[in-house]
Amino acid sequence: MDLFQVNYLAVLTSGVVIFILGGLWYSPLLFAKKWMALMGITEADIKAASSKSMPLQYLTVFFCGLVTSWVLAIVEKRVENPSALDGALIGGLCWLGFAGATSFGTALFSMKPKQLWLINSGYNLVCFLVAGVILAVWR
């Protein structure tokens, strides 16, 4: 089916970028300390919970980035000759309609600080924007 004929190298690259961005976003360089405080966890908690399953967790997160990139590539395929700005706009609208709105609705009832939603959803927004640009310009 023509719908699924996308640039899989661009999807893979975008997935890798999303994965790296996640590592950076949740590192001490950016939001790790604030995120852990808002979650009510410590580094020791993270190490204890993930010591055995860390490779599987990383693989799963990478796979999620690939799925996001692949679906975004399918959506962008419907736009003729998209520019980088078009890619960012499509990514931003997909985030707003699917990830942002649904996660905000969930956050309203989660009993967690809204700053936690901002950190997590900010990461998702940046991923959608960056992936949108990569997929638009690399067709």
C-alpha atoms as a PDB file:
ATOM      1  CA  MET A   1       0.000   0.000   0.000  1.00  0.00           C
ATOM      2  CA  ASP A   2       1.327   3.432  -0.968  1.00  0.00           C
ATOM      3  CA  LEU A   3       0.420   4.850   2.456  1.00  0.00           C
ATOM      4  CA  PHE A   4       3.292   3.006   4.137  1.00  0.00           C
ATOM      5  CA  GLN A   5       5.965   3.874   1.571  1.00  0.00           C
ATOM      6  CA  VAL A   6       8.018   6.364   3.534  1.00  0.00           C
ATOM      7  CA  ASN A   7      11.735   7.082   3.809  1.00  0.00           C
ATOM      8  CA  TYR A   8      12.655   4.471   6.410  1.00  0.00           C
ATOM      9  CA  LEU A   9      16.199   5.808   6.754  1.00  0.00           C
ATOM     10  CA  ALA A  10      14.719   9.185   7.739  1.00  0.00           C
ATOM     11  CA  VAL A  11      12.376   7.390  10.168  1.00  0.00           C
ATOM     12  CA  LEU A  12      15.330   5.537  11.702  1.00  0.00           C
ATOM     13  CA  THR A  13      17.366   8.739  11.957  1.00  0.00           C
ATOM     14  CA  SER A  14      14.463  10.578  13.517  1.00  0.00           C
ATOM     15  CA  GLY A  15      13.984   7.724  16.002  1.00  0.00           C
ATOM     16  CA  VAL A  16      17.649   7.890  16.975  1.00  0.00           C
ATOM     17  CA  VAL A  17      17.414  11.669  17.426  1.00  0.00           C
ATOM     18  CA  ILE A  18      14.331  11.262  19.638  1.00  0.00           C
ATOM     19  CA  PHE A  19      16.179   8.667  21.735  1.00  0.00           C
ATOM     20  CA  ILE A  20      19.224  10.902  22.151  1.00  0.00           C
ATOM     21  CA  LEU A  21      17.026  13.878  22.940  1.00  0.00           C
ATOM     22  CA  GLY A  22      15.345  11.853  25.700  1.00  0.00           C
ATOM     23  CA  GLY A  23      18.713  11.024  27.210  1.00  0.00           C
ATOM     24  CA  LEU A  24      19.628  14.682  27.178  1.00  0.00           C
ATOM     25  CA  TRP A  25      16.213  15.947  28.359  1.00  0.00           C
ATOM     26  CA  TYR A  26      16.153  13.701  31.416  1.00  0.00           C
ATOM     27  CA  SER A  27      19.850  14.151  32.226  1.00  0.00           C
ATOM     28  CA  PRO A  28      21.337  16.386  34.937  1.00  0.00           C
ATOM     29  CA  LEU A  29      22.151  18.856  32.151  1.00  0.00           C
ATOM     30  CA  LEU A  30      18.467  19.691  31.759  1.00  0.00           C
ATOM     31  CA  PHE A  31      15.582  18.346  33.834  1.00  0.00           C
ATOM     32  CA  ALA A  32      16.689  15.231  35.751  1.00  0.00           C
ATOM     33  CA  LYS A  33      16.840  16.820  39.194  1.00  0.00           C
ATOM     34  CA  LYS A  34      13.555  18.699  38.859  1.00  0.00           C
ATOM     35  CA  TRP A  35      11.845  15.687  37.273  1.00  0.00           C
ATOM     36  CA  MET A  36      12.989  13.355  40.070  1.00  0.00           C
ATOM     37  CA  ALA A  37      11.883  15.842  42.736  1.00  0.00           C
ATOM     38  CA  LEU A  38       8.452  16.203  41.117  1.00  0.00           C
ATOM     39  CA  MET A  39       8.151  12.426  40.820  1.00  0.00           C
ATOM     40  CA  GLY A  40       9.215  12.006  44.454  1.00  0.00           C
ATOM     41  CA  ILE A  41      12.067   9.642  43.592  1.00  0.00           C
ATOM     42  CA  THR A  42      15.825   9.558  44.013  1.00  0.00           C
ATOM     43  CA  GLU A  43      18.668   8.324  41.842  1.00  0.00           C
ATOM     44  CA  ALA A  44      18.886   5.290  44.108  1.00  0.00           C
ATOM     45  CA  ASP A  45      15.220   4.529  43.421  1.00  0.00           C
ATOM     46  CA  ILE A  46      15.842   4.669  39.682  1.00  0.00           C
ATOM     47  CA  LYS A  47      18.910   2.451  39.886  1.00  0.00           C
ATOM     48  CA  ALA A  48      17.131  -0.118  42.056  1.00  0.00           C
ATOM     49  CA  ALA A  49      14.057  -0.249  39.824  1.00  0.00           C
ATOM     50  CA  SER A  50      15.869  -0.444  36.533  1.00  0.00           C
ATOM     51  CA  SER A  51      19.105  -2.291  37.188  1.00  0.00           C
ATOM     52  CA  LYS A  52      17.886  -5.567  35.679  1.00  0.00           C
ATOM     53  CA  SER A  53      15.514  -4.229  33.053  1.00  0.00           C
ATOM     54  CA  MET A  54      17.498  -1.243  31.796  1.00  0.00           C
ATOM     55  CA  PRO A  55      18.419  -2.701  28.363  1.00  0.00           C
ATOM     56  CA  LEU A  56      14.798  -3.661  27.698  1.00  0.00           C
ATOM     57  CA  GLN A  57      13.609  -0.235  28.847  1.00  0.00           C
ATOM     58  CA  TYR A  58      16.038   1.531  26.510  1.00  0.00           C
ATOM     59  CA  LEU A  59      15.048  -0.726  23.623  1.00  0.00           C
ATOM     60  CA  THR A  60      11.354  -0.095  24.281  1.00  0.00           C
ATOM     61  CA  VAL A  61      11.836   3.684  24.451  1.00  0.00           C
ATOM     62  CA  PHE A  62      13.807   3.577  21.200  1.00  0.00           C
ATOM     63  CA  PHE A  63      11.029   1.544  19.579  1.00  0.00           C
ATOM     64  CA  CYS A  64       8.458   4.129  20.749  1.00  0.00           C
ATOM     65  CA  GLY A  65      10.505   6.863  19.067  1.00  0.00           C
ATOM     66  CA  LEU A  66      10.551   4.825  15.868  1.00  0.00           C
ATOM     67  CA  VAL A  67       6.769   4.416  15.985  1.00  0.00           C
ATOM     68  CA  THR A  68       6.302   8.150  16.518  1.00  0.00           C
ATOM     69  CA  SER A  69       8.605   8.893  13.589  1.00  0.00           C
ATOM     70  CA  TRP A  70       6.969   6.339  11.329  1.00  0.00           C
ATOM     71  CA  VAL A  71       3.434   7.597  11.951  1.00  0.00           C
ATOM     72  CA  LEU A  72       4.552  11.201  11.546  1.00  0.00           C
ATOM     73  CA  ALA A  73       6.194  10.240   8.227  1.00  0.00           C
ATOM     74  CA  ILE A  74       2.888   8.725   7.080  1.00  0.00           C
ATOM     75  CA  VAL A  75       1.041  11.932   8.010  1.00  0.00           C
ATOM     76  CA  GLU A  76       3.632  14.124   6.291  1.00  0.00           C
ATOM     77  CA  LYS A  77       3.459  11.974   3.171  1.00  0.00           C
ATOM     78  CA  ARG A  78       0.078  13.594   2.505  1.00  0.00           C
ATOM     79  CA  VAL A  79       1.726  17.023   2.134  1.00  0.00           C
ATOM     80  CA  GLU A  80       3.292  17.763  -1.212  1.00  0.00           C
ATOM     81  CA  ASN A  81       6.890  19.003  -0.934  1.00  0.00           C
ATOM     82  CA  PRO A  82       6.804  19.994   2.739  1.00  0.00           C
ATOM     83  CA  SER A  83       9.360  22.502   3.984  1.00  0.00           C
ATOM     84  CA  ALA A  84      11.103  22.363   7.341  1.00  0.00           C
ATOM     85  CA  LEU A  85       8.504  24.828   8.623  1.00  0.00           C
ATOM     86  CA  ASP A  86       5.703  22.593   7.329  1.00  0.00           C
ATOM     87  CA  GLY A  87       7.310  19.636   9.117  1.00  0.00           C
ATOM     88  CA  ALA A  88       7.528  21.569  12.379  1.00  0.00           C
ATOM     89  CA  LEU A  89       3.913  22.715  12.011  1.00  0.00           C
ATOM     90  CA  ILE A  90       2.684  19.181  11.309  1.00  0.00           C
ATOM     91  CA  GLY A  91       4.702  17.831  14.222  1.00  0.00           C
ATOM     92  CA  GLY A  92       3.396  20.559  16.508  1.00  0.00           C
ATOM     93  CA  LEU A  93      -0.208  19.987  15.471  1.00  0.00           C
ATOM     94  CA  CYS A  94       0.134  16.221  15.932  1.00  0.00           C
ATOM     95  CA  TRP A  95       1.573  16.830  19.397  1.00  0.00           C
ATOM     96  CA  LEU A  96      -1.204  19.286  20.258  1.00  0.00           C
ATOM     97  CA  GLY A  97      -4.042  17.072  19.083  1.00  0.00           C
ATOM     98  CA  PHE A  98      -2.767  13.690  20.186  1.00  0.00           C
ATOM     99  CA  ALA A  99      -0.028  13.842  22.817  1.00  0.00           C
ATOM    100  CA  GLY A 100      -0.475  17.266  24.409  1.00  0.00           C
ATOM    101  CA  ALA A 101      -4.232  17.290  24.806  1.00  0.00           C
ATOM    102  CA  THR A 102      -4.566  13.708  26.016  1.00  0.00           C
ATOM    103  CA  SER A 103      -1.653  13.897  28.437  1.00  0.00           C
ATOM    104  CA  PHE A 104      -2.931  17.201  29.842  1.00  0.00           C
ATOM    105  CA  GLY A 105      -6.355  15.698  30.444  1.00  0.00           C
ATOM    106  CA  THR A 106      -4.692  12.819  32.273  1.00  0.00           C
ATOM    107  CA  ALA A 107      -2.463  15.226  34.216  1.00  0.00           C
ATOM    108  CA  LEU A 108      -5.489  17.085  35.551  1.00  0.00           C
ATOM    109  CA  PHE A 109      -6.489  13.999  37.541  1.00  0.00           C
ATOM    110  CA  SER A 110      -3.072  12.466  38.237  1.00  0.00           C
ATOM    111  CA  MET A 111      -2.473  14.284  41.522  1.00  0.00           C
ATOM    112  CA  LYS A 112       1.005  15.187  40.262  1.00  0.00           C
ATOM    113  CA  PRO A 113       2.403  18.709  39.959  1.00  0.00           C
ATOM    114  CA  LYS A 114       1.638  20.441  36.672  1.00  0.00           C
ATOM    115  CA  GLN A 115       5.361  21.172  36.311  1.00  0.00           C
ATOM    116  CA  LEU A 116       5.835  17.438  35.797  1.00  0.00           C
ATOM    117  CA  TRP A 117       3.428  17.572  32.873  1.00  0.00           C
ATOM    118  CA  LEU A 118       5.373  20.528  31.478  1.00  0.00           C
ATOM    119  CA  ILE A 119       8.667  18.629  31.621  1.00  0.00           C
ATOM    120  CA  ASN A 120       7.298  15.415  30.128  1.00  0.00           C
ATOM    121  CA  SER A 121       5.123  17.089  27.514  1.00  0.00           C
ATOM    122  CA  GLY A 122       7.820  19.592  26.671  1.00  0.00           C
ATOM    123  CA  TYR A 123      10.025  16.653  25.766  1.00  0.00           C
ATOM    124  CA  ASN A 124       7.266  15.195  23.594  1.00  0.00           C
ATOM    125  CA  LEU A 125       6.653  18.532  21.891  1.00  0.00           C
ATOM    126  CA  VAL A 126      10.323  18.993  21.033  1.00  0.00           C
ATOM    127  CA  CYS A 127      10.449  15.407  19.713  1.00  0.00           C
ATOM    128  CA  PHE A 128       7.437  15.966  17.466  1.00  0.00           C
ATOM    129  CA  LEU A 129       8.875  19.246  16.175  1.00  0.00           C
ATOM    130  CA  VAL A 130      12.346  17.849  15.476  1.00  0.00           C
ATOM    131  CA  ALA A 131      11.007  14.638  13.922  1.00  0.00           C
ATOM    132  CA  GLY A 132       8.607  16.679  11.810  1.00  0.00           C
ATOM    133  CA  VAL A 133      11.451  18.731  10.427  1.00  0.00           C
ATOM    134  CA  ILE A 134      13.725  15.760   9.760  1.00  0.00           C
ATOM    135  CA  LEU A 135      10.972  13.836   7.993  1.00  0.00           C
ATOM    136  CA  ALA A 136       9.846  16.813   5.934  1.00  0.00           C
ATOM    137  CA  VAL A 137      13.247  17.755   4.565  1.00  0.00           C
ATOM    138  CA  TRP A 138      14.535  14.197   4.079  1.00  0.00           C
ATOM    139  CA  ARG A 139      11.999  12.629   1.759  1.00  0.00           C
END
